[in-house]
Amino acid sequence: MGELSYLGRMLVAFGILLVVAGLLVGAVGKVAGGRVPRLPGDILIQRGNTVFYFPIVTSLLLSLILTLLLTLFFRRP
């Protein structure tokens, strides 16, 4: 039964994390005027009416920050 309790806590934690991420995305959208912040190294290709944007550096930075936060949050004593 302990495994199900742990799974429940993990699902709640991920739900809270998603809510916080959604609020941050909304706040950045309002502050930045709806523009996605672009870091050097993000791929942007524009040809005619087509735009392809792949935020690889932004994704790596976000992954690093989330990894550090989750490591600190779920560290066992």
N, C-alpha and C. Protein backbone atom coordinates (compact mmCIF):
# COMPACT_ATOMS: atom_id res chain seq x y z
N MET A 1 0.82 -1.19 0.00
CA MET A 1 0.00 0.00 0.00
C MET A 1 0.86 1.25 0.00
N GLY A 2 2.11 1.15 0.47
CA GLY A 2 3.00 2.30 0.51
C GLY A 2 3.33 2.82 -0.87
N GLU A 3 3.40 1.91 -1.86
CA GLU A 3 3.73 2.34 -3.23
C GLU A 3 2.62 3.19 -3.81
N LEU A 4 1.38 2.85 -3.52
CA LEU A 4 0.26 3.64 -4.03
C LEU A 4 0.23 5.02 -3.38
N SER A 5 0.58 5.08 -2.12
CA SER A 5 0.63 6.37 -1.43
C SER A 5 1.71 7.25 -2.06
N TYR A 6 2.85 6.66 -2.35
CA TYR A 6 3.95 7.40 -2.99
C TYR A 6 3.53 7.88 -4.38
N LEU A 7 2.85 7.01 -5.14
CA LEU A 7 2.38 7.37 -6.47
C LEU A 7 1.38 8.53 -6.39
N GLY A 8 0.51 8.49 -5.41
CA GLY A 8 -0.45 9.57 -5.23
C GLY A 8 0.22 10.90 -4.94
N ARG A 9 1.24 10.87 -4.08
CA ARG A 9 1.97 12.11 -3.77
C ARG A 9 2.70 12.63 -5.00
N MET A 10 3.25 11.73 -5.80
CA MET A 10 3.95 12.15 -7.02
C MET A 10 2.98 12.79 -8.00
N LEU A 11 1.80 12.21 -8.16
CA LEU A 11 0.81 12.78 -9.08
C LEU A 11 0.35 14.16 -8.61
N VAL A 12 0.17 14.33 -7.32
CA VAL A 12 -0.21 15.64 -6.79
C VAL A 12 0.91 16.64 -7.03
N ALA A 13 2.16 16.23 -6.79
CA ALA A 13 3.30 17.13 -6.99
C ALA A 13 3.40 17.54 -8.46
N PHE A 14 3.24 16.59 -9.38
CA PHE A 14 3.30 16.93 -10.80
C PHE A 14 2.14 17.82 -11.21
N GLY A 15 0.97 17.61 -10.62
CA GLY A 15 -0.17 18.47 -10.90
C GLY A 15 0.09 19.90 -10.46
N ILE A 16 0.65 20.05 -9.27
CA ILE A 16 0.99 21.39 -8.78
C ILE A 16 2.05 22.02 -9.67
N LEU A 17 3.02 21.23 -10.09
CA LEU A 17 4.07 21.73 -10.98
C LEU A 17 3.49 22.20 -12.31
N LEU A 18 2.52 21.47 -12.85
CA LEU A 18 1.89 21.88 -14.11
C LEU A 18 1.09 23.17 -13.94
N VAL A 19 0.42 23.31 -12.82
CA VAL A 19 -0.33 24.55 -12.56
C VAL A 19 0.62 25.74 -12.48
N VAL A 20 1.73 25.56 -11.75
CA VAL A 20 2.72 26.64 -11.63
C VAL A 20 3.31 26.97 -12.99
N ALA A 21 3.62 25.94 -13.79
CA ALA A 21 4.17 26.18 -15.12
C ALA A 21 3.16 26.93 -15.99
N GLY A 22 1.90 26.57 -15.90
CA GLY A 22 0.87 27.27 -16.67
C GLY A 22 0.73 28.72 -16.27
N LEU A 23 0.81 28.99 -14.97
CA LEU A 23 0.75 30.38 -14.51
C LEU A 23 1.96 31.17 -14.98
N LEU A 24 3.13 30.54 -14.96
CA LEU A 24 4.34 31.23 -15.44
C LEU A 24 4.25 31.53 -16.93
N VAL A 25 3.75 30.59 -17.71
CA VAL A 25 3.61 30.81 -19.14
C VAL A 25 2.63 31.95 -19.40
N GLY A 26 1.54 31.98 -18.67
CA GLY A 26 0.58 33.08 -18.82
C GLY A 26 1.17 34.42 -18.43
N ALA A 27 1.95 34.43 -17.35
CA ALA A 27 2.56 35.68 -16.90
C ALA A 27 3.60 36.16 -17.90
N VAL A 28 4.41 35.26 -18.43
CA VAL A 28 5.43 35.65 -19.42
C VAL A 28 4.75 36.15 -20.68
N GLY A 29 3.64 35.53 -21.07
CA GLY A 29 2.92 35.97 -22.25
C GLY A 29 2.39 37.39 -22.12
N LYS A 30 1.92 37.73 -20.93
CA LYS A 30 1.42 39.10 -20.72
C LYS A 30 2.55 40.11 -20.64
N VAL A 31 3.63 39.75 -19.97
CA VAL A 31 4.76 40.67 -19.82
C VAL A 31 5.48 40.87 -21.14
N ALA A 32 5.69 39.79 -21.89
CA ALA A 32 6.44 39.87 -23.14
C ALA A 32 5.55 40.28 -24.31
N GLY A 33 4.31 40.58 -24.06
CA GLY A 33 3.42 41.00 -25.14
C GLY A 33 3.03 39.85 -26.06
N GLY A 34 3.01 38.63 -25.53
CA GLY A 34 2.62 37.47 -26.32
C GLY A 34 3.77 36.85 -27.10
N ARG A 35 4.95 37.44 -27.02
CA ARG A 35 6.10 36.88 -27.73
C ARG A 35 6.81 35.87 -26.85
N VAL A 36 7.29 34.81 -27.45
CA VAL A 36 8.07 33.81 -26.73
C VAL A 36 9.50 34.33 -26.63
N PRO A 37 10.09 34.32 -25.43
CA PRO A 37 11.47 34.78 -25.33
C PRO A 37 12.40 33.85 -26.10
N ARG A 38 13.29 34.43 -26.88
CA ARG A 38 14.20 33.63 -27.71
C ARG A 38 15.62 33.78 -27.19
N LEU A 39 16.26 32.66 -26.93
CA LEU A 39 17.64 32.66 -26.50
C LEU A 39 18.55 32.40 -27.70
N PRO A 40 19.79 32.86 -27.63
CA PRO A 40 20.73 32.52 -28.71
C PRO A 40 20.90 31.00 -28.78
N GLY A 41 20.81 30.45 -29.95
CA GLY A 41 20.91 29.01 -30.13
C GLY A 41 19.58 28.36 -30.46
N ASP A 42 18.47 29.07 -30.23
CA ASP A 42 17.17 28.57 -30.65
C ASP A 42 17.09 28.65 -32.17
N ILE A 43 16.45 27.68 -32.77
CA ILE A 43 16.39 27.59 -34.23
C ILE A 43 15.12 28.28 -34.72
N LEU A 44 15.28 29.21 -35.64
CA LEU A 44 14.16 29.93 -36.25
C LEU A 44 14.37 29.94 -37.76
N ILE A 45 13.44 29.31 -38.48
CA ILE A 45 13.51 29.27 -39.94
C ILE A 45 12.24 29.90 -40.49
N GLN A 46 12.41 30.92 -41.34
CA GLN A 46 11.27 31.59 -41.97
C GLN A 46 11.42 31.49 -43.48
N ARG A 47 10.42 30.91 -44.12
CA ARG A 47 10.40 30.82 -45.58
C ARG A 47 8.99 31.11 -46.05
N GLY A 48 8.85 32.21 -46.71
CA GLY A 48 7.52 32.59 -47.21
C GLY A 48 6.56 32.81 -46.06
N ASN A 49 5.43 32.09 -46.11
CA ASN A 49 4.42 32.20 -45.05
C ASN A 49 4.62 31.17 -43.94
N THR A 50 5.69 30.41 -44.01
CA THR A 50 5.93 29.34 -43.04
C THR A 50 7.02 29.76 -42.05
N VAL A 51 6.75 29.53 -40.78
CA VAL A 51 7.73 29.81 -39.73
C VAL A 51 7.90 28.55 -38.90
N PHE A 52 9.16 28.13 -38.73
CA PHE A 52 9.48 26.98 -37.88
C PHE A 52 10.37 27.48 -36.76
N TYR A 53 9.92 27.28 -35.52
CA TYR A 53 10.69 27.73 -34.36
C TYR A 53 10.91 26.54 -33.45
N PHE A 54 12.17 26.20 -33.19
CA PHE A 54 12.51 25.09 -32.30
C PHE A 54 13.39 25.63 -31.18
N PRO A 55 12.84 25.78 -29.99
CA PRO A 55 13.58 26.40 -28.88
C PRO A 55 14.50 25.41 -28.16
N ILE A 56 15.55 24.96 -28.83
CA ILE A 56 16.40 23.92 -28.26
C ILE A 56 17.16 24.41 -27.03
N VAL A 57 17.74 25.61 -27.06
CA VAL A 57 18.48 26.12 -25.91
C VAL A 57 17.53 26.44 -24.77
N THR A 58 16.37 26.98 -25.08
CA THR A 58 15.37 27.25 -24.06
C THR A 58 14.94 25.95 -23.39
N SER A 59 14.75 24.89 -24.18
CA SER A 59 14.36 23.59 -23.64
C SER A 59 15.45 23.02 -22.75
N LEU A 60 16.70 23.13 -23.17
CA LEU A 60 17.80 22.63 -22.34
C LEU A 60 17.90 23.39 -21.02
N LEU A 61 17.75 24.70 -21.08
CA LEU A 61 17.81 25.51 -19.87
C LEU A 61 16.66 25.18 -18.93
N LEU A 62 15.46 25.04 -19.47
CA LEU A 62 14.30 24.68 -18.66
C LEU A 62 14.48 23.30 -18.04
N SER A 63 15.01 22.36 -18.80
CA SER A 63 15.27 21.02 -18.30
C SER A 63 16.27 21.04 -17.15
N LEU A 64 17.32 21.83 -17.29
CA LEU A 64 18.32 21.94 -16.23
C LEU A 64 17.72 22.53 -14.96
N ILE A 65 16.94 23.58 -15.10
CA ILE A 65 16.33 24.23 -13.94
C ILE A 65 15.35 23.28 -13.24
N LEU A 66 14.51 22.60 -14.03
CA LEU A 66 13.56 21.66 -13.43
C LEU A 66 14.26 20.49 -12.77
N THR A 67 15.34 19.99 -13.38
CA THR A 67 16.10 18.90 -12.78
C THR A 67 16.67 19.31 -11.43
N LEU A 68 17.25 20.49 -11.36
CA LEU A 68 17.80 20.97 -10.10
C LEU A 68 16.71 21.16 -9.04
N LEU A 69 15.59 21.75 -9.43
CA LEU A 69 14.51 21.97 -8.47
C LEU A 69 13.92 20.66 -7.97
N LEU A 70 13.67 19.72 -8.88
CA LEU A 70 13.10 18.44 -8.47
C LEU A 70 14.08 17.62 -7.65
N THR A 71 15.37 17.72 -7.95
CA THR A 71 16.37 17.02 -7.15
C THR A 71 16.38 17.56 -5.73
N LEU A 72 16.31 18.87 -5.58
CA LEU A 72 16.27 19.45 -4.24
C LEU A 72 14.96 19.14 -3.52
N PHE A 73 13.85 19.13 -4.27
CA PHE A 73 12.54 18.91 -3.67
C PHE A 73 12.34 17.47 -3.22
N PHE A 74 12.81 16.51 -4.01
CA PHE A 74 12.57 15.10 -3.71
C PHE A 74 13.79 14.40 -3.10
N ARG A 75 14.76 15.16 -2.64
CA ARG A 75 15.95 14.56 -2.01
C ARG A 75 15.53 13.86 -0.72
N ARG A 76 16.03 12.65 -0.58
CA ARG A 76 15.71 11.88 0.63
C ARG A 76 16.74 12.17 1.71
N PRO A 77 16.30 12.32 2.95
CA PRO A 77 17.24 12.61 4.05
C PRO A 77 18.11 11.42 4.40
